[in-house]
Amino acid sequence: MDDLKQLDKYAFQVLTMFREGYSSRQIAQQFHLSYKTVKDIVERFSH
């Protein structure tokens, strides 16, 4: 599945920005991802 590869590619950067206080919407715009994708990444990797 292509989505998982894409998530892995962005996960580190997305999580780094998230920890620095960026909102999910800002991150989504930054990487041209959907808001849902960013939320999925954060939920999956922040446990």
PDB file of N, CA and C in Angstrom:
ATOM      1  N   MET A   1       0.833  -1.195   0.000  1.00  0.00           N
ATOM      2  CA  MET A   1       0.000   0.000   0.000  1.00  0.00           C
ATOM      3  C   MET A   1       0.873   1.251   0.000  1.00  0.00           C
ATOM      4  N   ASP A   2       0.592   2.126  -0.901  1.00  0.00           N
ATOM      5  CA  ASP A   2       1.391   3.332  -1.091  1.00  0.00           C
ATOM      6  C   ASP A   2       1.329   4.269   0.116  1.00  0.00           C
ATOM      7  N   ASP A   3       0.173   4.335   0.752  1.00  0.00           N
ATOM      8  CA  ASP A   3      -0.030   5.251   1.874  1.00  0.00           C
ATOM      9  C   ASP A   3       0.969   5.041   3.002  1.00  0.00           C
ATOM     10  N   LEU A   4       1.231   3.788   3.312  1.00  0.00           N
ATOM     11  CA  LEU A   4       2.128   3.505   4.431  1.00  0.00           C
ATOM     12  C   LEU A   4       3.537   4.003   4.161  1.00  0.00           C
ATOM     13  N   LYS A   5       3.996   3.811   2.942  1.00  0.00           N
ATOM     14  CA  LYS A   5       5.324   4.322   2.587  1.00  0.00           C
ATOM     15  C   LYS A   5       5.362   5.838   2.736  1.00  0.00           C
ATOM     16  N   GLN A   6       4.295   6.468   2.299  1.00  0.00           N
ATOM     17  CA  GLN A   6       4.227   7.924   2.395  1.00  0.00           C
ATOM     18  C   GLN A   6       4.221   8.351   3.864  1.00  0.00           C
ATOM     19  N   LEU A   7       3.485   7.635   4.692  1.00  0.00           N
ATOM     20  CA  LEU A   7       3.450   7.968   6.118  1.00  0.00           C
ATOM     21  C   LEU A   7       4.836   7.870   6.726  1.00  0.00           C
ATOM     22  N   ASP A   8       5.543   6.789   6.418  1.00  0.00           N
ATOM     23  CA  ASP A   8       6.887   6.622   6.964  1.00  0.00           C
ATOM     24  C   ASP A   8       7.795   7.763   6.523  1.00  0.00           C
ATOM     25  N   LYS A   9       7.653   8.142   5.270  1.00  0.00           N
ATOM     26  CA  LYS A   9       8.495   9.188   4.708  1.00  0.00           C
ATOM     27  C   LYS A   9       8.304  10.506   5.462  1.00  0.00           C
ATOM     28  N   TYR A  10       7.071  10.791   5.837  1.00  0.00           N
ATOM     29  CA  TYR A  10       6.769  12.069   6.463  1.00  0.00           C
ATOM     30  C   TYR A  10       6.707  12.007   7.984  1.00  0.00           C
ATOM     31  N   ALA A  11       6.599  10.805   8.533  1.00  0.00           N
ATOM     32  CA  ALA A  11       6.292  10.670   9.958  1.00  0.00           C
ATOM     33  C   ALA A  11       7.269  11.434  10.845  1.00  0.00           C
ATOM     34  N   PHE A  12       8.561  11.273  10.591  1.00  0.00           N
ATOM     35  CA  PHE A  12       9.544  11.912  11.465  1.00  0.00           C
ATOM     36  C   PHE A  12       9.398  13.436  11.434  1.00  0.00           C
ATOM     37  N   GLN A  13       9.277  13.994  10.223  1.00  0.00           N
ATOM     38  CA  GLN A  13       9.152  15.446  10.090  1.00  0.00           C
ATOM     39  C   GLN A  13       7.841  15.944  10.680  1.00  0.00           C
ATOM     40  N   VAL A  14       6.775  15.200  10.426  1.00  0.00           N
ATOM     41  CA  VAL A  14       5.467  15.595  10.945  1.00  0.00           C
ATOM     42  C   VAL A  14       5.489  15.615  12.469  1.00  0.00           C
ATOM     43  N   LEU A  15       6.023  14.554  13.059  1.00  0.00           N
ATOM     44  CA  LEU A  15       6.050  14.471  14.520  1.00  0.00           C
ATOM     45  C   LEU A  15       6.952  15.534  15.122  1.00  0.00           C
ATOM     46  N   THR A  16       8.059  15.814  14.457  1.00  0.00           N
ATOM     47  CA  THR A  16       8.959  16.856  14.951  1.00  0.00           C
ATOM     48  C   THR A  16       8.241  18.201  14.980  1.00  0.00           C
ATOM     49  N   MET A  17       7.559  18.530  13.899  1.00  0.00           N
ATOM     50  CA  MET A  17       6.828  19.798  13.849  1.00  0.00           C
ATOM     51  C   MET A  17       5.712  19.814  14.879  1.00  0.00           C
ATOM     52  N   PHE A  18       5.041  18.670  15.041  1.00  0.00           N
ATOM     53  CA  PHE A  18       3.940  18.589  15.997  1.00  0.00           C
ATOM     54  C   PHE A  18       4.445  18.874  17.410  1.00  0.00           C
ATOM     55  N   ARG A  19       5.592  18.298  17.745  1.00  0.00           N
ATOM     56  CA  ARG A  19       6.170  18.518  19.078  1.00  0.00           C
ATOM     57  C   ARG A  19       6.624  19.956  19.272  1.00  0.00           C
ATOM     58  N   GLU A  20       6.962  20.621  18.170  1.00  0.00           N
ATOM     59  CA  GLU A  20       7.380  22.019  18.254  1.00  0.00           C
ATOM     60  C   GLU A  20       6.184  22.959  18.350  1.00  0.00           C
ATOM     61  N   GLY A  21       4.989  22.391  18.307  1.00  0.00           N
ATOM     62  CA  GLY A  21       3.801  23.195  18.550  1.00  0.00           C
ATOM     63  C   GLY A  21       3.015  23.598  17.317  1.00  0.00           C
ATOM     64  N   TYR A  22       3.398  23.085  16.158  1.00  0.00           N
ATOM     65  CA  TYR A  22       2.605  23.369  14.964  1.00  0.00           C
ATOM     66  C   TYR A  22       1.290  22.606  15.035  1.00  0.00           C
ATOM     67  N   SER A  23       0.248  23.182  14.468  1.00  0.00           N
ATOM     68  CA  SER A  23      -1.029  22.476  14.434  1.00  0.00           C
ATOM     69  C   SER A  23      -1.028  21.457  13.298  1.00  0.00           C
ATOM     70  N   SER A  24      -1.919  20.497  13.405  1.00  0.00           N
ATOM     71  CA  SER A  24      -2.029  19.480  12.354  1.00  0.00           C
ATOM     72  C   SER A  24      -2.325  20.119  11.003  1.00  0.00           C
ATOM     73  N   ARG A  25      -3.133  21.163  10.999  1.00  0.00           N
ATOM     74  CA  ARG A  25      -3.465  21.830   9.730  1.00  0.00           C
ATOM     75  C   ARG A  25      -2.245  22.497   9.110  1.00  0.00           C
ATOM     76  N   GLN A  26      -1.433  23.141   9.945  1.00  0.00           N
ATOM     77  CA  GLN A  26      -0.212  23.772   9.424  1.00  0.00           C
ATOM     78  C   GLN A  26       0.714  22.724   8.823  1.00  0.00           C
ATOM     79  N   ILE A  27       0.838  21.603   9.513  1.00  0.00           N
ATOM     80  CA  ILE A  27       1.716  20.535   9.038  1.00  0.00           C
ATOM     81  C   ILE A  27       1.186  19.972   7.719  1.00  0.00           C
ATOM     82  N   ALA A  28      -0.110  19.765   7.647  1.00  0.00           N
ATOM     83  CA  ALA A  28      -0.713  19.233   6.426  1.00  0.00           C
ATOM     84  C   ALA A  28      -0.405  20.141   5.237  1.00  0.00           C
ATOM     85  N   GLN A  29      -0.517  21.451   5.437  1.00  0.00           N
ATOM     86  CA  GLN A  29      -0.221  22.388   4.353  1.00  0.00           C
ATOM     87  C   GLN A  29       1.254  22.337   3.985  1.00  0.00           C
ATOM     88  N   GLN A  30       2.103  22.256   4.983  1.00  0.00           N
ATOM     89  CA  GLN A  30       3.549  22.251   4.759  1.00  0.00           C
ATOM     90  C   GLN A  30       3.962  21.103   3.834  1.00  0.00           C
ATOM     91  N   PHE A  31       3.392  19.919   4.059  1.00  0.00           N
ATOM     92  CA  PHE A  31       3.801  18.734   3.297  1.00  0.00           C
ATOM     93  C   PHE A  31       2.803  18.349   2.212  1.00  0.00           C
ATOM     94  N   HIS A  32       1.790  19.204   2.004  1.00  0.00           N
ATOM     95  CA  HIS A  32       0.753  18.905   1.009  1.00  0.00           C
ATOM     96  C   HIS A  32       0.093  17.561   1.297  1.00  0.00           C
ATOM     97  N   LEU A  33      -0.155  17.320   2.567  1.00  0.00           N
ATOM     98  CA  LEU A  33      -0.866  16.113   2.984  1.00  0.00           C
ATOM     99  C   LEU A  33      -2.278  16.506   3.388  1.00  0.00           C
ATOM    100  N   SER A  34      -3.147  15.518   3.448  1.00  0.00           N
ATOM    101  CA  SER A  34      -4.476  15.808   3.962  1.00  0.00           C
ATOM    102  C   SER A  34      -4.409  15.906   5.484  1.00  0.00           C
ATOM    103  N   TYR A  35      -5.337  16.658   6.039  1.00  0.00           N
ATOM    104  CA  TYR A  35      -5.421  16.806   7.494  1.00  0.00           C
ATOM    105  C   TYR A  35      -5.565  15.438   8.152  1.00  0.00           C
ATOM    106  N   LYS A  36      -6.386  14.587   7.544  1.00  0.00           N
ATOM    107  CA  LYS A  36      -6.603  13.242   8.089  1.00  0.00           C
ATOM    108  C   LYS A  36      -5.296  12.449   8.129  1.00  0.00           C
ATOM    109  N   THR A  37      -4.498  12.558   7.096  1.00  0.00           N
ATOM    110  CA  THR A  37      -3.224  11.837   7.060  1.00  0.00           C
ATOM    111  C   THR A  37      -2.320  12.278   8.200  1.00  0.00           C
ATOM    112  N   VAL A  38      -2.251  13.582   8.420  1.00  0.00           N
ATOM    113  CA  VAL A  38      -1.420  14.104   9.513  1.00  0.00           C
ATOM    114  C   VAL A  38      -1.935  13.592  10.852  1.00  0.00           C
ATOM    115  N   LYS A  39      -3.251  13.632  11.043  1.00  0.00           N
ATOM    116  CA  LYS A  39      -3.817  13.127  12.294  1.00  0.00           C
ATOM    117  C   LYS A  39      -3.495  11.653  12.477  1.00  0.00           C
ATOM    118  N   ASP A  40      -3.591  10.879  11.404  1.00  0.00           N
ATOM    119  CA  ASP A  40      -3.272   9.446  11.471  1.00  0.00           C
ATOM    120  C   ASP A  40      -1.825   9.231  11.900  1.00  0.00           C
ATOM    121  N   ILE A  41      -0.914  10.003  11.321  1.00  0.00           N
ATOM    122  CA  ILE A  41       0.501   9.876  11.675  1.00  0.00           C
ATOM    123  C   ILE A  41       0.692  10.173  13.156  1.00  0.00           C
ATOM    124  N   VAL A  42       0.129  11.284  13.602  1.00  0.00           N
ATOM    125  CA  VAL A  42       0.308  11.691  14.999  1.00  0.00           C
ATOM    126  C   VAL A  42      -0.264  10.635  15.936  1.00  0.00           C
ATOM    127  N   GLU A  43      -1.454  10.133  15.616  1.00  0.00           N
ATOM    128  CA  GLU A  43      -2.076   9.124  16.476  1.00  0.00           C
ATOM    129  C   GLU A  43      -1.273   7.832  16.478  1.00  0.00           C
ATOM    130  N   ARG A  44      -0.771   7.449  15.329  1.00  0.00           N
ATOM    131  CA  ARG A  44      -0.060   6.180  15.225  1.00  0.00           C
ATOM    132  C   ARG A  44       1.275   6.209  15.957  1.00  0.00           C
ATOM    133  N   PHE A  45       1.976   7.332  15.893  1.00  0.00           N
ATOM    134  CA  PHE A  45       3.347   7.358  16.390  1.00  0.00           C
ATOM    135  C   PHE A  45       3.517   8.047  17.733  1.00  0.00           C
ATOM    136  N   SER A  46       2.460   8.601  18.287  1.00  0.00           N
ATOM    137  CA  SER A  46       2.633   9.347  19.535  1.00  0.00           C
ATOM    138  C   SER A  46       2.236   8.537  20.766  1.00  0.00           C
ATOM    139  N   HIS A  47       2.058   7.243  20.622  1.00  0.00           N
ATOM    140  CA  HIS A  47       1.669   6.422  21.781  1.00  0.00           C
ATOM    141  C   HIS A  47       2.886   5.972  22.560  1.00  0.00           C
TER     142      HIS A  47
END
